[in-house]
Amino acid sequence: MQPRGVGGEIQLTDGIASLLRREKVFAYRYEGTRYDCGNKEGFLQANVELALDHPTLGPGFRTYLQDLAKARAF
């Protein structure tokens, strides 16, 4: 069982370090956009980008965002 770290969260790096003491750990070099869904802004960013890329929802959602931006004068 991994103890909680800073802010009461289970830290990924602590979990990996603990696992390394018992077995091999492999890494994967990820190419692409990474979103920090551990915070609200990152979660929203990920959802907006996924929605825009969605083949069915994307066009309507893009129009919605464009209309919203015009109405709010960003």
PDB file of N, CA and C in Angstrom:
ATOM      1  N   MET A   1       0.852  -1.185   0.000  1.00  0.00           N
ATOM      2  CA  MET A   1       0.000   0.000   0.000  1.00  0.00           C
ATOM      3  C   MET A   1       0.888   1.235   0.000  1.00  0.00           C
ATOM      4  N   GLN A   2       0.596   2.136  -0.902  1.00  0.00           N
ATOM      5  CA  GLN A   2       1.388   3.363  -1.045  1.00  0.00           C
ATOM      6  C   GLN A   2       0.822   4.446  -0.130  1.00  0.00           C
ATOM      7  N   PRO A   3       1.640   5.013   0.758  1.00  0.00           N
ATOM      8  CA  PRO A   3       1.136   6.098   1.613  1.00  0.00           C
ATOM      9  C   PRO A   3       0.882   7.362   0.794  1.00  0.00           C
ATOM     10  N   ARG A   4       0.020   8.189   1.304  1.00  0.00           N
ATOM     11  CA  ARG A   4      -0.304   9.445   0.626  1.00  0.00           C
ATOM     12  C   ARG A   4       0.838  10.440   0.808  1.00  0.00           C
ATOM     13  N   GLY A   5       1.035  11.258  -0.216  1.00  0.00           N
ATOM     14  CA  GLY A   5       2.110  12.243  -0.187  1.00  0.00           C
ATOM     15  C   GLY A   5       1.570  13.642  -0.001  1.00  0.00           C
ATOM     16  N   VAL A   6       2.193  14.593  -0.687  1.00  0.00           N
ATOM     17  CA  VAL A   6       1.841  16.008  -0.606  1.00  0.00           C
ATOM     18  C   VAL A   6       0.376  16.214  -0.965  1.00  0.00           C
ATOM     19  N   GLY A   7      -0.325  16.981  -0.161  1.00  0.00           N
ATOM     20  CA  GLY A   7      -1.729  17.279  -0.431  1.00  0.00           C
ATOM     21  C   GLY A   7      -2.646  16.094  -0.257  1.00  0.00           C
ATOM     22  N   GLY A   8      -2.161  15.038   0.394  1.00  0.00           N
ATOM     23  CA  GLY A   8      -2.993  13.862   0.611  1.00  0.00           C
ATOM     24  C   GLY A   8      -3.157  12.994  -0.623  1.00  0.00           C
ATOM     25  N   GLU A   9      -2.372  13.272  -1.675  1.00  0.00           N
ATOM     26  CA  GLU A   9      -2.474  12.510  -2.923  1.00  0.00           C
ATOM     27  C   GLU A   9      -1.455  11.383  -2.938  1.00  0.00           C
ATOM     28  N   ILE A  10      -1.770  10.343  -3.662  1.00  0.00           N
ATOM     29  CA  ILE A  10      -0.799   9.289  -3.918  1.00  0.00           C
ATOM     30  C   ILE A  10       0.027   9.758  -5.106  1.00  0.00           C
ATOM     31  N   GLN A  11       1.325   9.937  -4.888  1.00  0.00           N
ATOM     32  CA  GLN A  11       2.211  10.481  -5.907  1.00  0.00           C
ATOM     33  C   GLN A  11       2.698   9.383  -6.846  1.00  0.00           C
ATOM     34  N   LEU A  12       2.595   9.629  -8.143  1.00  0.00           N
ATOM     35  CA  LEU A  12       3.027   8.662  -9.144  1.00  0.00           C
ATOM     36  C   LEU A  12       4.503   8.318  -8.981  1.00  0.00           C
ATOM     37  N   THR A  13       5.336   9.329  -8.765  1.00  0.00           N
ATOM     38  CA  THR A  13       6.772   9.076  -8.641  1.00  0.00           C
ATOM     39  C   THR A  13       7.080   8.207  -7.426  1.00  0.00           C
ATOM     40  N   ASP A  14       6.363   8.392  -6.329  1.00  0.00           N
ATOM     41  CA  ASP A  14       6.563   7.540  -5.149  1.00  0.00           C
ATOM     42  C   ASP A  14       6.144   6.102  -5.452  1.00  0.00           C
ATOM     43  N   GLY A  15       5.045   5.951  -6.173  1.00  0.00           N
ATOM     44  CA  GLY A  15       4.576   4.617  -6.548  1.00  0.00           C
ATOM     45  C   GLY A  15       5.564   3.899  -7.447  1.00  0.00           C
ATOM     46  N   ILE A  16       6.134   4.617  -8.399  1.00  0.00           N
ATOM     47  CA  ILE A  16       7.128   4.022  -9.301  1.00  0.00           C
ATOM     48  C   ILE A  16       8.376   3.631  -8.523  1.00  0.00           C
ATOM     49  N   ALA A  17       8.831   4.503  -7.622  1.00  0.00           N
ATOM     50  CA  ALA A  17      10.016   4.199  -6.809  1.00  0.00           C
ATOM     51  C   ALA A  17       9.779   2.950  -5.963  1.00  0.00           C
ATOM     52  N   SER A  18       8.586   2.818  -5.405  1.00  0.00           N
ATOM     53  CA  SER A  18       8.247   1.641  -4.608  1.00  0.00           C
ATOM     54  C   SER A  18       8.232   0.381  -5.472  1.00  0.00           C
ATOM     55  N   LEU A  19       7.676   0.487  -6.658  1.00  0.00           N
ATOM     56  CA  LEU A  19       7.622  -0.651  -7.570  1.00  0.00           C
ATOM     57  C   LEU A  19       9.018  -1.081  -8.011  1.00  0.00           C
ATOM     58  N   LEU A  20       9.909  -0.100  -8.206  1.00  0.00           N
ATOM     59  CA  LEU A  20      11.283  -0.395  -8.622  1.00  0.00           C
ATOM     60  C   LEU A  20      12.024  -1.270  -7.609  1.00  0.00           C
ATOM     61  N   ARG A  21      11.635  -1.183  -6.359  1.00  0.00           N
ATOM     62  CA  ARG A  21      12.284  -2.004  -5.328  1.00  0.00           C
ATOM     63  C   ARG A  21      11.872  -3.470  -5.437  1.00  0.00           C
ATOM     64  N   ARG A  22      10.782  -3.746  -6.167  1.00  0.00           N
ATOM     65  CA  ARG A  22      10.282  -5.123  -6.260  1.00  0.00           C
ATOM     66  C   ARG A  22      10.434  -5.744  -7.641  1.00  0.00           C
ATOM     67  N   GLU A  23      10.437  -4.926  -8.689  1.00  0.00           N
ATOM     68  CA  GLU A  23      10.486  -5.467 -10.047  1.00  0.00           C
ATOM     69  C   GLU A  23      10.971  -4.419 -11.032  1.00  0.00           C
ATOM     70  N   LYS A  24      11.174  -4.859 -12.273  1.00  0.00           N
ATOM     71  CA  LYS A  24      11.595  -3.943 -13.328  1.00  0.00           C
ATOM     72  C   LYS A  24      10.447  -3.016 -13.698  1.00  0.00           C
ATOM     73  N   VAL A  25      10.798  -1.809 -14.047  1.00  0.00           N
ATOM     74  CA  VAL A  25       9.819  -0.826 -14.505  1.00  0.00           C
ATOM     75  C   VAL A  25      10.278  -0.338 -15.879  1.00  0.00           C
ATOM     76  N   PHE A  26       9.364  -0.301 -16.812  1.00  0.00           N
ATOM     77  CA  PHE A  26       9.673   0.128 -18.163  1.00  0.00           C
ATOM     78  C   PHE A  26       8.998   1.461 -18.449  1.00  0.00           C
ATOM     79  N   ALA A  27       9.605   2.218 -19.330  1.00  0.00           N
ATOM     80  CA  ALA A  27       9.062   3.527 -19.686  1.00  0.00           C
ATOM     81  C   ALA A  27       8.649   3.530 -21.153  1.00  0.00           C
ATOM     82  N   TYR A  28       7.792   4.467 -21.480  1.00  0.00           N
ATOM     83  CA  TYR A  28       7.360   4.656 -22.856  1.00  0.00           C
ATOM     84  C   TYR A  28       7.449   6.144 -23.162  1.00  0.00           C
ATOM     85  N   ARG A  29       8.205   6.484 -24.191  1.00  0.00           N
ATOM     86  CA  ARG A  29       8.330   7.889 -24.584  1.00  0.00           C
ATOM     87  C   ARG A  29       7.092   8.257 -25.385  1.00  0.00           C
ATOM     88  N   TYR A  30       6.254   9.049 -24.780  1.00  0.00           N
ATOM     89  CA  TYR A  30       4.969   9.436 -25.365  1.00  0.00           C
ATOM     90  C   TYR A  30       5.147  10.674 -26.226  1.00  0.00           C
ATOM     91  N   GLU A  31       4.634  10.608 -27.445  1.00  0.00           N
ATOM     92  CA  GLU A  31       4.651  11.764 -28.332  1.00  0.00           C
ATOM     93  C   GLU A  31       3.217  12.220 -28.517  1.00  0.00           C
ATOM     94  N   GLY A  32       2.937  13.423 -28.132  1.00  0.00           N
ATOM     95  CA  GLY A  32       1.581  13.948 -28.237  1.00  0.00           C
ATOM     96  C   GLY A  32       1.343  14.970 -27.141  1.00  0.00           C
ATOM     97  N   THR A  33       0.123  15.351 -27.004  1.00  0.00           N
ATOM     98  CA  THR A  33      -0.243  16.340 -26.003  1.00  0.00           C
ATOM     99  C   THR A  33      -0.553  15.649 -24.682  1.00  0.00           C
ATOM    100  N   ARG A  34       0.003  16.182 -23.616  1.00  0.00           N
ATOM    101  CA  ARG A  34      -0.258  15.657 -22.280  1.00  0.00           C
ATOM    102  C   ARG A  34      -1.100  16.676 -21.533  1.00  0.00           C
ATOM    103  N   TYR A  35      -2.126  16.203 -20.891  1.00  0.00           N
ATOM    104  CA  TYR A  35      -3.010  17.070 -20.113  1.00  0.00           C
ATOM    105  C   TYR A  35      -2.900  16.688 -18.647  1.00  0.00           C
ATOM    106  N   ASP A  36      -2.812  17.670 -17.797  1.00  0.00           N
ATOM    107  CA  ASP A  36      -2.775  17.419 -16.361  1.00  0.00           C
ATOM    108  C   ASP A  36      -4.214  17.402 -15.855  1.00  0.00           C
ATOM    109  N   CYS A  37      -4.821  16.235 -15.879  1.00  0.00           N
ATOM    110  CA  CYS A  37      -6.220  16.109 -15.452  1.00  0.00           C
ATOM    111  C   CYS A  37      -6.342  16.051 -13.933  1.00  0.00           C
ATOM    112  N   GLY A  38      -5.217  16.259 -13.241  1.00  0.00           N
ATOM    113  CA  GLY A  38      -5.249  16.354 -11.796  1.00  0.00           C
ATOM    114  C   GLY A  38      -5.658  17.729 -11.321  1.00  0.00           C
ATOM    115  N   ASN A  39      -5.796  18.662 -12.254  1.00  0.00           N
ATOM    116  CA  ASN A  39      -6.322  19.976 -11.879  1.00  0.00           C
ATOM    117  C   ASN A  39      -7.481  20.324 -12.812  1.00  0.00           C
ATOM    118  N   LYS A  40      -8.328  21.204 -12.383  1.00  0.00           N
ATOM    119  CA  LYS A  40      -9.564  21.501 -13.107  1.00  0.00           C
ATOM    120  C   LYS A  40      -9.314  22.084 -14.488  1.00  0.00           C
ATOM    121  N   GLU A  41      -8.344  22.981 -14.600  1.00  0.00           N
ATOM    122  CA  GLU A  41      -8.069  23.608 -15.895  1.00  0.00           C
ATOM    123  C   GLU A  41      -7.581  22.571 -16.914  1.00  0.00           C
ATOM    124  N   GLY A  42      -6.677  21.700 -16.502  1.00  0.00           N
ATOM    125  CA  GLY A  42      -6.183  20.650 -17.395  1.00  0.00           C
ATOM    126  C   GLY A  42      -7.279  19.693 -17.805  1.00  0.00           C
ATOM    127  N   PHE A  43      -8.160  19.368 -16.882  1.00  0.00           N
ATOM    128  CA  PHE A  43      -9.292  18.487 -17.180  1.00  0.00           C
ATOM    129  C   PHE A  43     -10.191  19.119 -18.240  1.00  0.00           C
ATOM    130  N   LEU A  44     -10.482  20.423 -18.088  1.00  0.00           N
ATOM    131  CA  LEU A  44     -11.315  21.123 -19.058  1.00  0.00           C
ATOM    132  C   LEU A  44     -10.622  21.218 -20.417  1.00  0.00           C
ATOM    133  N   GLN A  45      -9.332  21.496 -20.420  1.00  0.00           N
ATOM    134  CA  GLN A  45      -8.590  21.575 -21.676  1.00  0.00           C
ATOM    135  C   GLN A  45      -8.652  20.252 -22.429  1.00  0.00           C
ATOM    136  N   ALA A  46      -8.450  19.156 -21.724  1.00  0.00           N
ATOM    137  CA  ALA A  46      -8.499  17.839 -22.360  1.00  0.00           C
ATOM    138  C   ALA A  46      -9.872  17.577 -22.958  1.00  0.00           C
ATOM    139  N   ASN A  47     -10.917  17.902 -22.232  1.00  0.00           N
ATOM    140  CA  ASN A  47     -12.273  17.650 -22.721  1.00  0.00           C
ATOM    141  C   ASN A  47     -12.621  18.504 -23.933  1.00  0.00           C
ATOM    142  N   VAL A  48     -12.201  19.771 -23.919  1.00  0.00           N
ATOM    143  CA  VAL A  48     -12.477  20.653 -25.055  1.00  0.00           C
ATOM    144  C   VAL A  48     -11.759  20.138 -26.302  1.00  0.00           C
ATOM    145  N   GLU A  49     -10.483  19.789 -26.166  1.00  0.00           N
ATOM    146  CA  GLU A  49      -9.744  19.318 -27.336  1.00  0.00           C
ATOM    147  C   GLU A  49     -10.274  17.987 -27.854  1.00  0.00           C
ATOM    148  N   LEU A  50     -10.637  17.094 -26.953  1.00  0.00           N
ATOM    149  CA  LEU A  50     -11.222  15.821 -27.391  1.00  0.00           C
ATOM    150  C   LEU A  50     -12.556  16.051 -28.081  1.00  0.00           C
ATOM    151  N   ALA A  51     -13.354  16.964 -27.554  1.00  0.00           N
ATOM    152  CA  ALA A  51     -14.647  17.261 -28.175  1.00  0.00           C
ATOM    153  C   ALA A  51     -14.460  17.858 -29.558  1.00  0.00           C
ATOM    154  N   LEU A  52     -13.496  18.763 -29.717  1.00  0.00           N
ATOM    155  CA  LEU A  52     -13.248  19.376 -31.019  1.00  0.00           C
ATOM    156  C   LEU A  52     -12.784  18.347 -32.050  1.00  0.00           C
ATOM    157  N   ASP A  53     -12.059  17.330 -31.606  1.00  0.00           N
ATOM    158  CA  ASP A  53     -11.559  16.295 -32.514  1.00  0.00           C
ATOM    159  C   ASP A  53     -12.577  15.196 -32.802  1.00  0.00           C
ATOM    160  N   HIS A  54     -13.675  15.186 -32.064  1.00  0.00           N
ATOM    161  CA  HIS A  54     -14.671  14.124 -32.225  1.00  0.00           C
ATOM    162  C   HIS A  54     -15.374  14.279 -33.576  1.00  0.00           C
ATOM    163  N   PRO A  55     -15.473  13.199 -34.357  1.00  0.00           N
ATOM    164  CA  PRO A  55     -16.053  13.312 -35.698  1.00  0.00           C
ATOM    165  C   PRO A  55     -17.520  13.739 -35.717  1.00  0.00           C
ATOM    166  N   THR A  56     -18.284  13.378 -34.711  1.00  0.00           N
ATOM    167  CA  THR A  56     -19.704  13.725 -34.682  1.00  0.00           C
ATOM    168  C   THR A  56     -19.961  15.016 -33.905  1.00  0.00           C
ATOM    169  N   LEU A  57     -19.346  15.141 -32.754  1.00  0.00           N
ATOM    170  CA  LEU A  57     -19.585  16.292 -31.883  1.00  0.00           C
ATOM    171  C   LEU A  57     -18.758  17.518 -32.246  1.00  0.00           C
ATOM    172  N   GLY A  58     -17.613  17.304 -32.862  1.00  0.00           N
ATOM    173  CA  GLY A  58     -16.666  18.383 -33.117  1.00  0.00           C
ATOM    174  C   GLY A  58     -17.219  19.593 -33.848  1.00  0.00           C
ATOM    175  N   PRO A  59     -17.870  19.404 -35.002  1.00  0.00           N
ATOM    176  CA  PRO A  59     -18.342  20.582 -35.747  1.00  0.00           C
ATOM    177  C   PRO A  59     -19.324  21.452 -34.951  1.00  0.00           C
ATOM    178  N   GLY A  60     -20.287  20.853 -34.310  1.00  0.00           N
ATOM    179  CA  GLY A  60     -21.254  21.619 -33.526  1.00  0.00           C
ATOM    180  C   GLY A  60     -20.624  22.278 -32.313  1.00  0.00           C
ATOM    181  N   PHE A  61     -19.692  21.582 -31.684  1.00  0.00           N
ATOM    182  CA  PHE A  61     -19.019  22.129 -30.506  1.00  0.00           C
ATOM    183  C   PHE A  61     -18.124  23.301 -30.902  1.00  0.00           C
ATOM    184  N   ARG A  62     -17.458  23.181 -32.059  1.00  0.00           N
ATOM    185  CA  ARG A  62     -16.613  24.268 -32.560  1.00  0.00           C
ATOM    186  C   ARG A  62     -17.459  25.522 -32.810  1.00  0.00           C
ATOM    187  N   THR A  63     -18.631  25.346 -33.426  1.00  0.00           N
ATOM    188  CA  THR A  63     -19.536  26.467 -33.668  1.00  0.00           C
ATOM    189  C   THR A  63     -19.972  27.094 -32.349  1.00  0.00           C
ATOM    190  N   TYR A  64     -20.308  26.245 -31.384  1.00  0.00           N
ATOM    191  CA  TYR A  64     -20.699  26.738 -30.061  1.00  0.00           C
ATOM    192  C   TYR A  64     -19.593  27.595 -29.451  1.00  0.00           C
ATOM    193  N   LEU A  65     -18.354  27.119 -29.496  1.00  0.00           N
ATOM    194  CA  LEU A  65     -17.243  27.871 -28.905  1.00  0.00           C
ATOM    195  C   LEU A  65     -16.998  29.191 -29.644  1.00  0.00           C
ATOM    196  N   GLN A  66     -17.120  29.165 -30.963  1.00  0.00           N
ATOM    197  CA  GLN A  66     -16.936  30.392 -31.731  1.00  0.00           C
ATOM    198  C   GLN A  66     -18.019  31.421 -31.377  1.00  0.00           C
ATOM    199  N   ASP A  67     -19.264  30.961 -31.287  1.00  0.00           N
ATOM    200  CA  ASP A  67     -20.362  31.857 -30.902  1.00  0.00           C
ATOM    201  C   ASP A  67     -20.174  32.384 -29.483  1.00  0.00           C
ATOM    202  N   LEU A  68     -19.723  31.531 -28.594  1.00  0.00           N
ATOM    203  CA  LEU A  68     -19.476  31.934 -27.216  1.00  0.00           C
ATOM    204  C   LEU A  68     -18.370  32.978 -27.155  1.00  0.00           C
ATOM    205  N   ALA A  69     -17.303  32.764 -27.905  1.00  0.00           N
ATOM    206  CA  ALA A  69     -16.176  33.712 -27.905  1.00  0.00           C
ATOM    207  C   ALA A  69     -16.632  35.077 -28.429  1.00  0.00           C
ATOM    208  N   LYS A  70     -17.458  35.085 -29.456  1.00  0.00           N
ATOM    209  CA  LYS A  70     -17.974  36.360 -29.992  1.00  0.00           C
ATOM    210  C   LYS A  70     -18.847  37.065 -28.969  1.00  0.00           C
ATOM    211  N   ALA A  71     -19.714  36.299 -28.309  1.00  0.00           N
ATOM    212  CA  ALA A  71     -20.646  36.876 -27.335  1.00  0.00           C
ATOM    213  C   ALA A  71     -19.919  37.417 -26.098  1.00  0.00           C
ATOM    214  N   ARG A  72     -18.854  36.772 -25.724  1.00  0.00           N
ATOM    215  CA  ARG A  72     -18.108  37.175 -24.524  1.00  0.00           C
ATOM    216  C   ARG A  72     -16.965  38.114 -24.833  1.00  0.00           C
ATOM    217  N   ALA A  73     -16.707  38.350 -26.119  1.00  0.00           N
ATOM    218  CA  ALA A  73     -15.633  39.252 -26.592  1.00  0.00           C
ATOM    219  C   ALA A  73     -14.303  38.949 -25.926  1.00  0.00           C
ATOM    220  N   PHE A  74     -13.829  37.728 -26.121  1.00  0.00           N
ATOM    221  CA  PHE A  74     -12.531  37.313 -25.561  1.00  0.00           C
ATOM    222  C   PHE A  74     -11.420  38.044 -26.241  1.00  0.00           C
TER     223      PHE A  74
END
